[in-house]
Amino acid sequence: MDMTIIVGAVGGLIVGVIGGIIYMNAVAKKSLTSAQSSAHKLLEDAQSQAKSIKREAEVSAKELELKARLASEKEQQEKQKEVAALEKRLMSREENLEKKFDMLDEKESALKKQEQSALDKKKYVDALEKKVQDMVEEARQSLEKTAGISQEEAKKQLIDSLIDDAKLDAAKSIKVIEDEAKENADKKARYIISAATERMANEFVADRTVSVVHLPSDEMKGRIIGREGRNIRALEAALGVELIIDDTPEAVVISGFNPIRREVARRVLEKLIQDGRIHPARIEDMVARMTKEVDSSIKEAGEAALLELGIHNIHPELVKLVGTLRYRYSFAQNVLQHSLEVAYLGGMMAAELGLNEKKARRAGILHDIGKAVSHEQEGSHALIGMEFAKKYREDADICHAIGAHHEDLIQDTALDCIVDAADALSGARPGARREVMETYMKRLEDLEKISTSFKGVEKSYAIQAGREIRVMVDAGEVNDAKANVLAKDIAQKIEKEMTYPGQIKVTVIRETRAVEIAK
């Protein structure tokens, strides 16, 4: 029974499945038919839309073509107008050029006519000049014949007449100059006296023009003066100095610009005081003896200086002049010591340059010998020294170096420059030319004060004993051009406001620094 039920159920299930399949096939056929109908309809619609779009596209293309054609025609018309305008301008230019060419042709023709006219005039002028020269020559010959003298003789007479006129004018000028000199005689006399005094003296006149002789007691003053002053008159006449006997206790002052005479006077007084016998005859004898003694000491000083430098074969008179420099001073600097320094410095520089060291030393020791006699002769001590060196047959190069060391002559050899440089170094070194400390410090302060008074100056330093002032400026405020002007202005203000020996060099320093730190 169960098996029958199962079979029946299975059969029913199979029948149901088959029925469902049949139904589904029917539904599928129906759906396929409907889909085919829809697809056909959609295809027709698409074809209809495509035709419509095609028609619209054709219409749009025709419109665009029409617009493009119109724009092209318009642009072509505008270009044609521009071309026409250009053609018109070109035609106008061509007409102007043709007019200019015509004008140039006319000017060229006129110039040719002018050139031809000038040539004709030149020929005419040349003919006239020749005619004038012929006439002048005829007139000259006629004048020579009439005057009875030749052209050369007439020239000579004319020159003589001109010379006489020139002499007359010169005489008149000299008379005017002499009158002016007489009017300014007092002023010029003071100048000449001050110049002569300056050559013999220096800033420390009291130190360099007097010598002091100490006495054992004030009673000796009366013996030096003598009865009715005969002893002191004899001393002053024989020595050429002035003896000052005042209230200074136990001292006699010898005054005079000649240092050799003062030295002789000092030795004479010391010997007379030691001896105790003071009378005119004794004075004359002692003056003669001390003069010889001083002359001997001068010669010894010259020989010692030359021996120290290793210089030989020098004339005895030059040796004496070198020794005389022991008693000469220049700006409070002993001239003999200065000459030794110049000789040593010159020798060093010559050795460094590969030149003759002995020759440089010889020129250095002799460069200031003119100062030994400059009070006795006129002219620069450099040129006076050169003449003495020539007189005693020194080498020509050495003579020229002596004469050129202050640029009185052109420095044309290395030896000239060496002696000049050594002379400047010896005078400029610290302590060479001593001054009163207060005066020295005041001069340095004034130099720095003048320099810092200018705009843009940051600091200033006086160096080389006041012979140079170095000025530091603000690089942002003072450029290179202004630095040159500033140096000139400072130098002019120093010249105007200060009094000083020699020269002062003004150096303006402008520095720009860029600093960065690497970390």
Protein backbone atom coordinates (compact mmCIF):
# COMPACT_ATOMS: atom_id res chain seq x y z
CA MET A 1 0.00 0.00 0.00
CA ASP A 2 2.77 2.29 0.78
CA MET A 3 4.53 1.45 -2.42
CA THR A 4 1.32 2.24 -4.39
CA ILE A 5 1.06 5.58 -2.67
CA ILE A 6 4.67 6.38 -3.43
CA VAL A 7 4.30 5.39 -7.09
CA GLY A 8 1.16 7.46 -7.36
CA ALA A 9 2.90 10.45 -5.83
CA VAL A 10 5.88 10.17 -8.10
CA GLY A 11 3.64 9.90 -11.12
CA GLY A 12 1.72 12.95 -10.04
CA LEU A 13 4.94 14.85 -9.55
CA ILE A 14 6.18 13.93 -13.00
CA VAL A 15 2.91 14.99 -14.57
CA GLY A 16 3.13 18.30 -12.72
CA VAL A 17 6.70 18.94 -13.87
CA ILE A 18 5.83 18.18 -17.47
CA GLY A 19 2.86 20.49 -17.28
CA GLY A 20 5.00 23.24 -15.85
CA ILE A 21 7.53 22.86 -18.59
CA ILE A 22 4.80 23.08 -21.23
CA TYR A 23 3.48 26.24 -19.57
CA MET A 24 6.83 27.82 -19.38
CA ASN A 25 7.49 27.16 -23.07
CA ALA A 26 4.22 28.80 -23.91
CA VAL A 27 5.06 31.84 -21.80
CA ALA A 28 8.52 32.03 -23.33
CA LYS A 29 7.14 31.96 -26.87
CA LYS A 30 4.76 34.71 -25.97
CA SER A 31 7.54 36.82 -24.44
CA LEU A 32 9.79 36.23 -27.47
CA THR A 33 7.04 37.36 -29.80
CA SER A 34 6.47 40.49 -27.72
CA ALA A 35 10.23 41.22 -27.58
CA GLN A 36 10.58 40.86 -31.30
CA SER A 37 7.70 43.24 -31.82
CA SER A 38 9.26 45.79 -29.42
CA ALA A 39 12.67 45.47 -31.05
CA HIS A 40 11.20 46.05 -34.48
CA LYS A 41 9.39 49.11 -33.22
CA LEU A 42 12.59 50.44 -31.56
CA LEU A 43 14.53 49.90 -34.78
CA GLU A 44 12.00 51.86 -36.76
CA ASP A 45 12.09 54.69 -34.22
CA ALA A 46 15.94 54.75 -34.34
CA GLN A 47 15.95 54.88 -38.10
CA SER A 48 13.46 57.72 -38.05
CA GLN A 49 15.58 59.69 -35.50
CA ALA A 50 18.77 59.05 -37.51
CA LYS A 51 17.18 60.48 -40.63
CA SER A 52 16.01 63.52 -38.68
CA ILE A 53 19.51 64.11 -37.19
CA LYS A 54 21.12 63.70 -40.60
CA ARG A 55 18.80 66.34 -42.05
CA GLU A 56 19.58 68.73 -39.19
CA ALA A 57 23.37 68.12 -39.61
CA GLU A 58 23.16 68.83 -43.32
CA VAL A 59 21.33 72.07 -42.61
CA SER A 60 23.89 73.14 -39.96
CA ALA A 61 26.81 72.31 -42.28
CA LYS A 62 25.30 74.43 -45.04
CA GLU A 63 24.82 77.33 -42.60
CA LEU A 64 28.47 77.07 -41.39
CA GLU A 65 29.72 76.90 -44.96
CA LEU A 66 27.73 80.01 -45.80
CA LYS A 67 29.10 81.90 -42.77
CA ALA A 68 32.69 80.86 -43.58
CA ARG A 69 32.28 81.96 -47.16
CA LEU A 70 30.92 85.37 -46.07
CA ALA A 71 33.80 85.84 -43.55
CA SER A 72 36.38 84.89 -46.16
CA GLU A 73 34.92 87.34 -48.65
CA LYS A 74 34.92 90.11 -45.99
CA GLU A 75 38.54 89.41 -45.00
CA GLN A 76 39.56 89.38 -48.66
CA GLN A 77 37.91 92.75 -49.19
CA GLU A 78 39.74 94.23 -46.19
CA LYS A 79 43.08 92.90 -47.45
CA GLN A 80 42.38 94.36 -50.85
CA LYS A 81 41.74 97.73 -49.16
CA GLU A 82 45.05 97.46 -47.21
CA VAL A 83 46.95 96.53 -50.36
CA ALA A 84 45.41 99.50 -52.13
CA ALA A 85 46.46 101.80 -49.29
CA LEU A 86 50.01 100.38 -49.35
CA GLU A 87 50.18 100.85 -53.10
CA LYS A 88 49.03 104.43 -52.64
CA ARG A 89 51.72 105.10 -49.98
CA LEU A 90 54.39 103.46 -52.14
CA MET A 91 53.40 105.60 -55.06
CA SER A 92 53.64 108.69 -52.83
CA ARG A 93 57.09 107.64 -51.60
CA GLU A 94 58.27 106.97 -55.11
CA GLU A 95 57.16 110.45 -56.10
CA ASN A 96 59.01 111.95 -53.09
CA LEU A 97 62.14 109.96 -53.90
CA GLU A 98 62.03 111.12 -57.48
CA LYS A 99 61.74 114.72 -56.27
CA LYS A 100 64.70 114.19 -53.90
CA PHE A 101 66.77 112.64 -56.65
CA ASP A 102 65.98 115.63 -58.82
CA MET A 103 67.04 117.97 -55.99
CA LEU A 104 70.28 116.00 -55.45
CA ASP A 105 71.03 116.22 -59.13
CA GLU A 106 70.49 119.96 -58.99
CA LYS A 107 72.73 120.30 -55.89
CA GLU A 108 75.43 118.13 -57.47
CA SER A 109 75.33 120.31 -60.54
CA ALA A 110 75.56 123.43 -58.36
CA LEU A 111 78.50 121.96 -56.41
CA LYS A 112 80.34 121.19 -59.61
CA LYS A 113 79.80 124.74 -60.72
CA GLN A 114 81.06 126.03 -57.32
CA GLU A 115 84.14 123.76 -57.50
CA GLN A 116 84.89 125.01 -60.95
CA SER A 117 84.39 128.59 -59.76
CA ALA A 118 86.71 127.95 -56.78
CA LEU A 119 89.36 126.51 -59.08
CA ASP A 120 89.08 129.52 -61.30
CA LYS A 121 89.34 131.83 -58.28
CA LYS A 122 92.37 129.91 -56.97
CA LYS A 123 94.09 130.26 -60.29
CA TYR A 124 93.27 133.95 -60.25
CA VAL A 125 94.55 134.33 -56.65
CA ASP A 126 97.74 132.40 -57.48
CA ALA A 127 98.29 134.73 -60.38
CA LEU A 128 97.67 137.74 -58.12
CA GLU A 129 100.07 136.35 -55.46
CA LYS A 130 102.76 135.86 -58.06
CA LYS A 131 102.14 139.37 -59.32
CA VAL A 132 102.30 140.74 -55.73
CA GLN A 133 105.53 138.82 -55.03
CA ASP A 134 107.02 140.22 -58.20
CA MET A 135 105.93 143.68 -57.16
CA VAL A 136 107.34 143.19 -53.61
CA GLU A 137 110.63 141.97 -55.04
CA GLU A 138 110.76 144.96 -57.37
CA ALA A 139 109.92 147.27 -54.45
CA ARG A 140 112.58 145.62 -52.24
CA GLN A 141 115.20 146.00 -54.95
CA SER A 142 114.10 149.60 -55.50
CA LEU A 143 114.25 150.30 -51.74
CA GLU A 144 117.67 148.68 -51.38
CA LYS A 145 118.88 150.75 -54.34
CA THR A 146 117.34 153.93 -52.94
CA ALA A 147 118.46 153.33 -49.29
CA GLY A 148 121.87 152.07 -50.27
CA ILE A 149 121.67 149.05 -47.84
CA SER A 150 120.83 145.38 -48.35
CA GLN A 151 117.96 143.43 -46.79
CA GLU A 152 120.28 141.73 -44.29
CA GLU A 153 121.69 145.06 -43.17
CA ALA A 154 118.16 146.44 -42.75
CA LYS A 155 117.23 143.38 -40.65
CA LYS A 156 120.29 143.90 -38.49
CA GLN A 157 119.39 147.56 -37.94
CA LEU A 158 115.81 146.57 -37.07
CA ILE A 159 117.03 143.89 -34.61
CA ASP A 160 119.42 146.36 -32.98
CA SER A 161 116.58 148.83 -32.66
CA LEU A 162 114.33 146.17 -31.10
CA ILE A 163 117.12 145.16 -28.69
CA ASP A 164 117.52 148.78 -27.62
CA ASP A 165 113.77 149.06 -27.09
CA ALA A 166 113.77 145.81 -25.09
CA LYS A 167 116.64 147.03 -22.93
CA LEU A 168 114.77 150.26 -22.32
CA ASP A 169 111.62 148.35 -21.34
CA ALA A 170 113.68 146.05 -19.11
CA ALA A 171 115.28 149.04 -17.44
CA LYS A 172 111.84 150.52 -16.81
CA SER A 173 110.64 147.19 -15.37
CA ILE A 174 113.71 146.96 -13.15
CA LYS A 175 113.04 150.49 -11.93
CA VAL A 176 109.44 149.56 -11.09
CA ILE A 177 110.61 146.41 -9.30
CA GLU A 178 113.22 148.36 -7.35
CA ASP A 179 110.61 150.93 -6.34
CA GLU A 180 108.29 148.15 -5.18
CA ALA A 181 111.18 146.53 -3.32
CA LYS A 182 111.91 149.79 -1.53
CA GLU A 183 108.27 150.13 -0.58
CA ASN A 184 108.26 146.59 0.83
CA ALA A 185 111.82 146.73 2.17
CA ASP A 186 110.84 146.33 5.80
CA LYS A 187 108.67 143.30 5.12
CA LYS A 188 111.26 141.62 2.89
CA ALA A 189 114.06 142.40 5.32
CA ARG A 190 112.17 140.67 8.11
CA TYR A 191 111.58 137.67 5.85
CA ILE A 192 115.25 137.44 4.85
CA ILE A 193 116.39 137.75 8.46
CA SER A 194 113.93 135.09 9.62
CA ALA A 195 115.00 132.75 6.79
CA ALA A 196 118.68 133.20 7.63
CA THR A 197 117.97 132.71 11.34
CA GLU A 198 115.99 129.56 10.58
CA ARG A 199 118.96 128.09 8.69
CA MET A 200 121.24 128.71 11.66
CA ALA A 201 118.81 127.97 14.48
CA ASN A 202 115.98 125.54 15.25
CA GLU A 203 113.05 125.12 17.57
CA PHE A 204 115.31 124.78 20.62
CA VAL A 205 117.34 127.97 20.29
CA ALA A 206 118.05 128.16 24.00
CA ASP A 207 119.41 124.62 24.00
CA ARG A 208 121.41 124.88 20.80
CA THR A 209 122.78 128.45 20.86
CA VAL A 210 124.19 128.64 24.37
CA SER A 211 126.81 126.79 26.40
CA VAL A 212 127.21 127.01 30.16
CA VAL A 213 130.56 127.06 31.96
CA HIS A 214 130.38 126.35 35.69
CA LEU A 215 132.56 128.42 38.01
CA PRO A 216 134.16 127.33 41.29
CA SER A 217 132.75 130.47 42.93
CA ASP A 218 131.04 133.76 42.07
CA GLU A 219 134.32 135.60 42.72
CA MET A 220 135.59 134.20 39.41
CA LYS A 221 133.00 136.33 37.55
CA GLY A 222 134.86 139.49 38.50
CA ARG A 223 138.15 138.08 37.27
CA ILE A 224 136.56 137.07 33.97
CA ILE A 225 135.17 140.58 33.52
CA GLY A 226 138.50 142.15 34.44
CA ARG A 227 139.37 145.72 35.24
CA GLU A 228 136.91 148.00 33.44
CA GLY A 229 135.74 144.94 31.47
CA ARG A 230 138.94 144.46 29.48
CA ASN A 231 139.04 140.67 29.94
CA ILE A 232 135.47 140.03 28.79
CA ARG A 233 135.93 142.39 25.83
CA ALA A 234 139.10 140.53 24.83
CA LEU A 235 137.32 137.18 25.15
CA GLU A 236 134.32 138.25 23.05
CA ALA A 237 136.56 139.84 20.39
CA ALA A 238 138.83 136.79 20.13
CA LEU A 239 136.09 134.16 20.29
CA GLY A 240 133.30 135.84 18.31
CA VAL A 241 130.67 134.97 20.91
CA GLU A 242 128.78 136.78 23.65
CA LEU A 243 129.50 136.08 27.32
CA ILE A 244 126.50 136.55 29.59
CA ILE A 245 127.48 137.10 33.22
CA ASP A 246 124.33 137.69 35.28
CA ASP A 247 122.85 136.65 38.60
CA THR A 248 123.01 132.95 37.73
CA PRO A 249 125.03 131.47 40.60
CA GLU A 250 128.46 130.07 39.69
CA ALA A 251 127.83 130.02 35.93
CA VAL A 252 128.75 131.92 32.78
CA VAL A 253 126.58 131.59 29.67
CA ILE A 254 128.23 131.55 26.22
CA SER A 255 125.80 132.64 23.49
CA GLY A 256 126.34 132.33 19.73
CA PHE A 257 124.94 130.59 16.66
CA ASN A 258 128.31 129.12 15.62
CA PRO A 259 128.65 125.88 17.65
CA ILE A 260 132.39 125.56 16.93
CA ARG A 261 133.10 129.01 18.31
CA ARG A 262 131.02 128.19 21.39
CA GLU A 263 133.02 125.00 21.89
CA VAL A 264 136.31 126.91 21.59
CA ALA A 265 134.99 129.51 24.04
CA ARG A 266 133.90 126.83 26.51
CA ARG A 267 137.32 125.17 26.46
CA VAL A 268 139.14 128.51 26.73
CA LEU A 269 137.13 129.55 29.78
CA GLU A 270 137.58 126.18 31.47
CA LYS A 271 141.37 126.32 30.92
CA LEU A 272 141.60 129.92 32.10
CA ILE A 273 139.60 129.12 35.22
CA GLN A 274 141.86 126.14 35.98
CA ASP A 275 145.01 128.17 35.35
CA GLY A 276 143.79 131.23 37.24
CA ARG A 277 145.70 133.68 35.06
CA ILE A 278 143.18 135.75 33.11
CA HIS A 279 144.43 138.70 31.08
CA PRO A 280 144.26 139.70 27.36
CA ALA A 281 147.63 138.23 26.35
CA ARG A 282 146.83 134.92 28.06
CA ILE A 283 143.41 134.92 26.47
CA GLU A 284 144.82 135.29 22.93
CA ASP A 285 147.31 132.48 23.51
CA MET A 286 144.66 130.20 24.95
CA VAL A 287 142.23 130.92 22.09
CA ALA A 288 144.89 129.93 19.54
CA ARG A 289 145.66 126.70 21.41
CA MET A 290 141.99 125.70 21.90
CA THR A 291 141.17 126.50 18.26
CA LYS A 292 143.83 124.01 17.17
CA GLU A 293 142.55 121.52 19.72
CA VAL A 294 138.97 121.82 18.47
CA ASP A 295 140.13 121.54 14.85
CA SER A 296 141.96 118.36 15.82
CA SER A 297 138.88 116.98 17.58
CA ILE A 298 136.79 117.79 14.46
CA LYS A 299 139.21 115.86 12.28
CA GLU A 300 139.22 112.95 14.73
CA ALA A 301 135.41 112.88 14.79
CA GLY A 302 135.32 112.77 10.96
CA GLU A 303 137.96 110.02 10.81
CA ALA A 304 136.14 108.00 13.48
CA ALA A 305 132.84 108.23 11.59
CA LEU A 306 134.44 107.20 8.28
CA LEU A 307 136.38 104.38 9.97
CA GLU A 308 133.17 103.13 11.53
CA LEU A 309 131.61 102.93 8.05
CA GLY A 310 134.71 101.39 6.47
CA ILE A 311 135.19 104.33 4.04
CA HIS A 312 138.74 105.09 2.87
CA ASN A 313 140.57 107.29 0.35
CA ILE A 314 138.61 110.43 1.09
CA HIS A 315 140.04 113.94 0.84
CA PRO A 316 141.19 115.46 4.19
CA GLU A 317 138.99 118.52 3.69
CA LEU A 318 135.94 116.30 3.31
CA VAL A 319 136.99 114.47 6.48
CA LYS A 320 137.06 117.82 8.27
CA LEU A 321 133.64 118.76 6.95
CA VAL A 322 132.21 115.44 8.15
CA GLY A 323 133.72 116.07 11.60
CA THR A 324 132.25 119.60 11.66
CA LEU A 325 128.76 118.05 11.43
CA ARG A 326 129.29 116.91 15.02
CA TYR A 327 128.55 120.51 16.04
CA ARG A 328 125.56 121.00 13.73
CA TYR A 329 121.92 120.27 14.55
CA SER A 330 118.82 120.04 12.34
CA PHE A 331 115.48 120.10 14.13
CA ALA A 332 117.35 119.13 17.33
CA GLN A 333 118.90 116.09 15.56
CA ASN A 334 122.71 115.94 15.48
CA VAL A 335 123.72 116.10 11.82
CA LEU A 336 126.75 113.79 12.15
CA GLN A 337 124.65 111.14 13.86
CA HIS A 338 121.96 111.66 11.23
CA SER A 339 124.54 111.25 8.42
CA LEU A 340 125.79 107.99 9.98
CA GLU A 341 122.22 106.68 10.10
CA VAL A 342 121.67 107.67 6.46
CA ALA A 343 124.89 105.89 5.49
CA TYR A 344 123.86 102.69 7.29
CA LEU A 345 120.29 102.77 5.95
CA GLY A 346 121.50 103.52 2.41
CA GLY A 347 123.99 100.66 2.58
CA MET A 348 121.28 98.25 3.74
CA MET A 349 118.92 99.24 0.92
CA ALA A 350 121.69 99.06 -1.67
CA ALA A 351 122.64 95.57 -0.45
CA GLU A 352 119.00 94.44 -0.71
CA LEU A 353 118.81 95.80 -4.26
CA GLY A 354 122.08 94.22 -5.30
CA LEU A 355 123.84 97.58 -5.74
CA ASN A 356 127.21 98.87 -4.49
CA GLU A 357 126.83 99.05 -0.69
CA LYS A 358 130.06 100.99 -0.07
CA LYS A 359 129.10 103.60 -2.64
CA ALA A 360 125.71 104.08 -0.98
CA ARG A 361 127.36 104.47 2.44
CA ARG A 362 129.82 107.00 1.05
CA ALA A 363 126.99 109.05 -0.47
CA GLY A 364 125.03 108.79 2.79
CA ILE A 365 127.81 110.10 5.08
CA LEU A 366 128.55 112.98 2.65
CA HIS A 367 124.95 113.94 1.77
CA ASP A 368 124.72 116.76 4.37
CA ILE A 369 128.30 118.15 4.26
CA GLY A 370 126.80 121.33 2.81
CA LYS A 371 125.35 122.04 6.28
CA ALA A 372 128.89 122.41 7.62
CA VAL A 373 129.35 125.55 5.51
CA SER A 374 125.80 126.55 4.53
CA HIS A 375 125.99 129.59 6.84
CA GLU A 376 129.04 130.81 4.92
CA GLN A 377 127.71 130.36 1.36
CA GLU A 378 124.46 131.08 -0.44
CA GLY A 379 122.21 128.36 -1.80
CA SER A 380 120.75 125.00 -0.83
CA HIS A 381 122.96 122.88 1.42
CA ALA A 382 122.43 119.95 -1.00
CA LEU A 383 123.89 121.88 -3.95
CA ILE A 384 126.67 123.37 -1.78
CA GLY A 385 127.62 119.88 -0.64
CA MET A 386 127.59 118.63 -4.23
CA GLU A 387 130.01 121.42 -5.27
CA PHE A 388 132.41 120.53 -2.43
CA ALA A 389 132.26 116.85 -3.39
CA LYS A 390 133.06 117.76 -7.01
CA LYS A 391 135.88 120.04 -5.85
CA TYR A 392 137.53 117.19 -3.96
CA ARG A 393 137.01 114.72 -6.84
CA GLU A 394 134.32 112.44 -5.53
CA ASP A 395 132.60 110.07 -7.98
CA ALA A 396 130.05 111.74 -10.28
CA ASP A 397 127.22 109.46 -9.09
CA ILE A 398 127.93 110.35 -5.46
CA CYS A 399 128.05 114.08 -6.26
CA HIS A 400 124.70 113.89 -8.05
CA ALA A 401 123.12 111.90 -5.20
CA ILE A 402 124.26 114.62 -2.73
CA GLY A 403 122.74 117.37 -4.88
CA ALA A 404 119.49 115.48 -5.55
CA HIS A 405 118.62 114.24 -2.06
CA HIS A 406 116.18 117.16 -1.59
CA GLU A 407 115.07 117.08 -5.26
CA ASP A 408 117.04 120.22 -6.16
CA LEU A 409 118.15 118.06 -9.10
CA ILE A 410 116.20 115.38 -10.96
CA GLN A 411 116.71 111.96 -9.36
CA ASP A 412 117.69 109.78 -12.32
CA THR A 413 119.72 106.98 -10.67
CA ALA A 414 118.96 104.35 -8.06
CA LEU A 415 121.63 105.87 -5.78
CA ASP A 416 119.79 109.22 -5.83
CA CYS A 417 116.56 107.56 -4.67
CA ILE A 418 118.34 105.48 -2.02
CA VAL A 419 120.00 108.53 -0.40
CA ASP A 420 116.72 110.48 -0.47
CA ALA A 421 114.80 107.58 1.10
CA ALA A 422 117.46 106.97 3.77
CA ASP A 423 117.50 110.70 4.65
CA ALA A 424 113.71 110.70 5.08
CA LEU A 425 113.79 107.51 7.18
CA SER A 426 116.46 108.87 9.53
CA GLY A 427 114.54 112.09 10.09
CA ALA A 428 111.14 110.39 10.50
CA ARG A 429 112.06 107.55 12.83
CA PRO A 430 110.62 107.84 16.38
CA GLY A 431 112.83 109.91 18.66
CA ALA A 432 115.04 111.28 15.88
CA ARG A 433 113.95 114.87 16.21
CA ARG A 434 112.86 115.42 19.78
CA GLU A 435 110.35 118.03 20.77
CA VAL A 436 108.95 119.34 23.99
CA MET A 437 106.46 116.65 25.04
CA GLU A 438 103.55 119.04 25.52
CA THR A 439 104.11 120.65 22.11
CA TYR A 440 104.50 117.25 20.48
CA MET A 441 101.30 115.86 22.02
CA LYS A 442 99.40 119.05 21.20
CA ARG A 443 100.45 118.81 17.55
CA LEU A 444 99.30 115.18 17.34
CA GLU A 445 95.97 116.04 18.99
CA ASP A 446 95.44 118.96 16.60
CA LEU A 447 96.13 116.71 13.62
CA GLU A 448 93.59 114.14 14.77
CA LYS A 449 91.07 116.85 15.70
CA ILE A 450 91.27 118.48 12.26
CA SER A 451 90.85 115.12 10.53
CA THR A 452 87.81 114.04 12.56
CA SER A 453 86.07 117.39 11.97
CA PHE A 454 85.08 116.29 8.45
CA LYS A 455 81.83 114.48 7.70
CA GLY A 456 82.14 110.73 7.17
CA VAL A 457 85.36 110.35 9.21
CA GLU A 458 85.15 107.67 11.89
CA LYS A 459 88.68 107.69 13.36
CA SER A 460 92.07 109.28 12.70
CA TYR A 461 95.56 108.36 13.88
CA ALA A 462 98.70 110.53 13.79
CA ILE A 463 101.76 108.31 13.23
CA GLN A 464 105.48 108.60 12.38
CA ALA A 465 106.06 111.39 14.91
CA GLY A 466 103.28 113.47 13.34
CA ARG A 467 104.58 113.16 9.78
CA GLU A 468 101.53 111.16 8.65
CA ILE A 469 97.84 111.15 9.53
CA ARG A 470 95.72 108.12 8.65
CA VAL A 471 91.98 108.75 8.39
CA MET A 472 89.40 105.94 8.61
CA VAL A 473 86.11 106.79 6.85
CA ASP A 474 82.64 105.25 6.62
CA ALA A 475 82.64 103.27 3.36
CA GLY A 476 78.90 103.73 2.95
CA GLU A 477 79.08 107.52 3.20
CA VAL A 478 82.43 108.23 1.49
CA ASN A 479 83.03 106.66 -1.94
CA ASP A 480 86.35 106.48 -3.81
CA ALA A 481 85.89 109.87 -5.49
CA LYS A 482 84.96 111.57 -2.22
CA ALA A 483 87.97 109.96 -0.51
CA ASN A 484 90.35 111.80 -2.86
CA VAL A 485 88.56 115.10 -2.26
CA LEU A 486 88.54 114.48 1.51
CA ALA A 487 92.32 113.88 1.59
CA LYS A 488 92.90 117.15 -0.27
CA ASP A 489 90.54 119.10 2.02
CA ILE A 490 92.20 117.75 5.16
CA ALA A 491 95.68 118.62 3.83
CA GLN A 492 94.56 122.17 2.98
CA LYS A 493 93.03 122.67 6.45
CA ILE A 494 96.23 121.40 8.12
CA GLU A 495 98.31 123.83 6.02
CA LYS A 496 95.99 126.69 6.96
CA GLU A 497 95.65 126.06 10.70
CA MET A 498 98.94 124.45 11.82
CA THR A 499 102.66 125.23 11.88
CA TYR A 500 105.02 122.26 11.55
CA PRO A 501 108.44 121.33 10.12
CA GLY A 502 108.69 119.35 6.87
CA GLN A 503 105.60 117.69 5.39
CA ILE A 504 102.56 115.79 6.67
CA LYS A 505 101.16 112.95 4.58
CA VAL A 506 97.36 112.51 4.65
CA THR A 507 96.12 108.96 3.94
CA VAL A 508 92.36 108.30 3.70
CA ILE A 509 91.46 104.62 4.19
CA ARG A 510 88.09 103.36 2.95
CA GLU A 511 87.32 99.72 3.69
CA THR A 512 84.27 97.57 2.92
CA ARG A 513 83.91 94.24 4.74
CA ALA A 514 81.45 91.40 4.16
CA VAL A 515 81.27 88.95 7.11
CA GLU A 516 79.37 85.68 7.32
CA ILE A 517 79.65 82.83 9.85
CA ALA A 518 79.70 79.18 8.80
CA LYS A 519 77.87 77.02 11.33
